[in-house]
Amino acid sequence: MIGTKQALLLMAAGLMTTTPAGAQMAASKAAETTSAKTIVDVAVEAGTFKTLVTALKAADLVGALQGKGPFTVFAPTDAAFAKLPAGTVDALLKDPKKLAAILTYHVVPGKVMAEDVIKAGGAEPNTLEGQALDIQVRDGKVYVNGAQVTTADVAASNGVIHVIDTVLLPPSSK
């Protein structure tokens, strides 16, 4: 069992490489620990989710993701937000309703662990936004609506974070 700092190091290391499903499962086992920190606390401490945290504040969702849960969050990094067309993040920060829809599309109620998805060969869980995600295992890697999971199963007291390399947009927001 590892501590939060080791889990964050695993998360940071995972951001630098693409991770095959087998390695994701190994990282999953290593990162699966009981953290005293909420999903928001873990994201803030990681330092690679500044845009996500800013967006959560702008959409007034911080309190919800600090709640009891459990939640599964597919968390785009700052680099993922940087892939959006110029001006998109600023426009979304000024439109809290649309921003909240996009952010809740990244959250699944319950605790979805990578190992379960890999064993099942995929999943289609409903998000808090209301629409389902398409999670697939292809060529030994896990994808959520085409976004690659770069680090899986980062534990928090109220759920789990899976780091993704692309911001997910609900079909109605594209």
Protein backbone atom coordinates (compact mmCIF):
# COMPACT_ATOMS: atom_id res chain seq x y z
CA MET A 1 0.00 0.00 0.00
CA ILE A 2 1.37 3.42 -0.95
CA GLY A 3 0.70 6.93 0.23
CA THR A 4 -0.75 9.91 -1.57
CA LYS A 5 2.67 11.24 -2.56
CA GLN A 6 3.58 7.97 -4.26
CA ALA A 7 0.20 7.91 -6.02
CA LEU A 8 0.79 11.45 -7.28
CA LEU A 9 4.26 10.45 -8.49
CA LEU A 10 2.70 7.54 -10.36
CA MET A 11 0.17 9.93 -11.85
CA ALA A 12 2.89 12.36 -12.94
CA ALA A 13 4.98 9.58 -14.43
CA GLY A 14 1.96 8.30 -16.31
CA LEU A 15 1.44 11.68 -17.92
CA MET A 16 4.78 11.35 -19.66
CA THR A 17 4.08 8.02 -21.33
CA THR A 18 1.31 6.10 -22.94
CA THR A 19 0.39 3.22 -20.71
CA PRO A 20 -0.63 -0.25 -21.96
CA ALA A 21 -3.60 -1.85 -20.24
CA GLY A 22 -1.38 -4.35 -18.36
CA ALA A 23 0.73 -1.53 -16.96
CA GLN A 24 -2.44 0.39 -16.15
CA MET A 25 -3.59 -2.58 -14.10
CA ALA A 26 -0.23 -2.72 -12.30
CA ALA A 27 -0.39 1.02 -11.64
CA SER A 28 -3.98 0.50 -10.54
CA LYS A 29 -2.91 -1.98 -7.87
CA ALA A 30 -0.08 0.29 -6.74
CA ALA A 31 -2.21 3.45 -6.64
CA GLU A 32 -5.24 1.85 -5.02
CA THR A 33 -5.04 3.07 -1.47
CA THR A 34 -7.29 4.86 0.93
CA SER A 35 -6.49 8.56 0.71
CA ALA A 36 -7.69 11.08 3.25
CA LYS A 37 -7.91 13.65 0.45
CA THR A 38 -10.93 14.24 -1.78
CA ILE A 39 -10.79 14.16 -5.57
CA VAL A 40 -10.46 17.96 -5.60
CA ASP A 41 -7.63 17.89 -3.02
CA VAL A 42 -5.71 15.30 -5.05
CA ALA A 43 -6.18 17.32 -8.25
CA VAL A 44 -4.98 20.53 -6.59
CA GLU A 45 -1.90 18.85 -5.11
CA ALA A 46 -0.94 17.16 -8.38
CA GLY A 47 -0.29 20.52 -10.01
CA THR A 48 -1.14 19.21 -13.51
CA PHE A 49 -4.86 19.98 -13.23
CA LYS A 50 -4.82 23.76 -12.71
CA THR A 51 -7.23 24.39 -15.59
CA LEU A 52 -9.58 21.66 -14.38
CA VAL A 53 -9.60 23.07 -10.84
CA THR A 54 -10.22 26.60 -12.18
CA ALA A 55 -13.09 25.25 -14.28
CA LEU A 56 -14.58 23.37 -11.32
CA LYS A 57 -14.56 26.61 -9.33
CA ALA A 58 -16.11 28.61 -12.20
CA ALA A 59 -18.88 26.02 -12.60
CA ASP A 60 -19.45 25.86 -8.83
CA LEU A 61 -18.72 22.11 -8.74
CA VAL A 62 -15.91 22.00 -6.16
CA GLY A 63 -18.32 21.33 -3.29
CA ALA A 64 -20.02 18.51 -5.18
CA LEU A 65 -16.71 16.73 -5.89
CA GLN A 66 -15.70 17.13 -2.27
CA GLY A 67 -18.90 15.31 -1.27
CA LYS A 68 -19.24 11.74 -0.04
CA GLY A 69 -19.30 10.08 -3.46
CA PRO A 70 -17.97 7.75 -4.56
CA PHE A 71 -17.19 9.33 -7.92
CA THR A 72 -15.03 8.30 -10.83
CA VAL A 73 -13.47 11.31 -12.53
CA PHE A 74 -11.83 11.18 -15.94
CA ALA A 75 -9.53 14.14 -15.35
CA PRO A 76 -8.04 16.02 -18.29
CA THR A 77 -4.65 17.56 -17.62
CA ASP A 78 -3.66 21.13 -18.38
CA ALA A 79 -2.07 19.80 -21.59
CA ALA A 80 -5.45 18.28 -22.56
CA PHE A 81 -7.18 21.64 -22.11
CA ALA A 82 -4.41 23.27 -24.16
CA LYS A 83 -5.42 21.07 -27.13
CA LEU A 84 -8.79 22.87 -27.35
CA PRO A 85 -9.06 25.64 -29.94
CA ALA A 86 -7.73 29.02 -28.83
CA GLY A 87 -10.20 30.93 -26.66
CA THR A 88 -12.34 27.88 -25.85
CA VAL A 89 -11.37 27.65 -22.17
CA ASP A 90 -11.88 31.40 -21.64
CA ALA A 91 -15.30 31.24 -23.32
CA LEU A 92 -16.32 28.25 -21.20
CA LEU A 93 -15.22 29.96 -17.99
CA LYS A 94 -17.71 32.74 -18.87
CA ASP A 95 -20.53 30.22 -19.47
CA PRO A 96 -20.91 28.28 -16.18
CA LYS A 97 -23.93 26.28 -17.40
CA LYS A 98 -22.15 24.91 -20.48
CA LEU A 99 -18.95 24.42 -18.47
CA ALA A 100 -20.84 22.44 -15.81
CA ALA A 101 -22.33 20.18 -18.51
CA ILE A 102 -18.87 19.47 -19.92
CA LEU A 103 -17.31 18.86 -16.49
CA THR A 104 -20.10 16.57 -15.27
CA TYR A 105 -19.61 14.58 -18.50
CA HIS A 106 -16.21 13.65 -17.02
CA VAL A 107 -17.77 12.20 -13.83
CA VAL A 108 -19.38 8.81 -13.32
CA PRO A 109 -21.25 8.01 -10.10
CA GLY A 110 -19.66 5.12 -8.24
CA LYS A 111 -16.14 3.80 -8.33
CA VAL A 112 -15.08 2.41 -11.72
CA MET A 113 -11.65 0.79 -11.45
CA ALA A 114 -9.43 0.22 -14.49
CA GLU A 115 -9.06 -3.49 -13.78
CA ASP A 116 -12.83 -3.98 -14.01
CA VAL A 117 -13.02 -2.17 -17.35
CA ILE A 118 -10.03 -4.07 -18.73
CA LYS A 119 -11.46 -7.44 -17.64
CA ALA A 120 -14.82 -6.55 -19.21
CA GLY A 121 -13.15 -5.29 -22.40
CA GLY A 122 -14.92 -1.95 -22.05
CA ALA A 123 -17.91 -0.22 -20.50
CA GLU A 124 -20.59 2.40 -21.18
CA PRO A 125 -21.26 4.09 -17.82
CA ASN A 126 -23.68 7.00 -17.54
CA THR A 127 -22.16 10.30 -16.45
CA LEU A 128 -23.53 12.87 -14.03
CA GLU A 129 -24.27 14.96 -17.12
CA GLY A 130 -26.69 12.20 -18.18
CA GLN A 131 -25.06 10.73 -21.26
CA ALA A 132 -22.97 7.57 -21.43
CA LEU A 133 -19.25 7.34 -22.04
CA ASP A 134 -17.73 4.78 -24.39
CA ILE A 135 -14.79 3.13 -22.62
CA GLN A 136 -12.80 0.73 -24.77
CA VAL A 137 -9.64 -1.34 -24.54
CA ARG A 138 -7.72 -1.18 -27.83
CA ASP A 139 -4.21 -2.39 -28.54
CA GLY A 140 -3.61 -2.82 -24.82
CA LYS A 141 -4.64 0.76 -23.96
CA VAL A 142 -7.80 2.16 -22.35
CA TYR A 143 -9.72 4.93 -24.10
CA VAL A 144 -12.69 7.02 -22.99
CA ASN A 145 -14.53 8.47 -26.00
CA GLY A 146 -11.20 8.35 -27.81
CA ALA A 147 -9.21 10.04 -25.02
CA GLN A 148 -6.43 7.83 -23.71
CA VAL A 149 -6.21 7.00 -20.02
CA THR A 150 -2.59 7.80 -19.17
CA THR A 151 -2.79 6.99 -15.45
CA ALA A 152 -5.46 4.87 -13.83
CA ASP A 153 -6.89 4.47 -10.34
CA VAL A 154 -5.51 7.47 -8.48
CA ALA A 155 -7.23 7.03 -5.13
CA ALA A 156 -9.14 9.69 -3.23
CA SER A 157 -11.30 9.47 -0.11
CA ASN A 158 -14.46 9.91 -2.17
CA GLY A 159 -13.61 8.02 -5.34
CA VAL A 160 -11.00 7.54 -8.01
CA ILE A 161 -9.34 9.61 -10.72
CA HIS A 162 -8.30 8.35 -14.15
CA VAL A 163 -6.04 10.84 -15.94
CA ILE A 164 -6.92 11.41 -19.61
CA ASP A 165 -5.11 13.21 -22.42
CA THR A 166 -8.11 14.96 -24.02
CA VAL A 167 -11.10 16.98 -22.78
CA LEU A 168 -14.34 15.05 -23.30
CA LEU A 169 -17.17 16.97 -24.94
CA PRO A 170 -20.73 15.68 -24.62
CA PRO A 171 -22.38 15.17 -28.02
CA SER A 172 -24.66 18.18 -27.44
CA SER A 173 -21.65 20.47 -26.71
CA LYS A 174 -19.59 19.70 -29.81
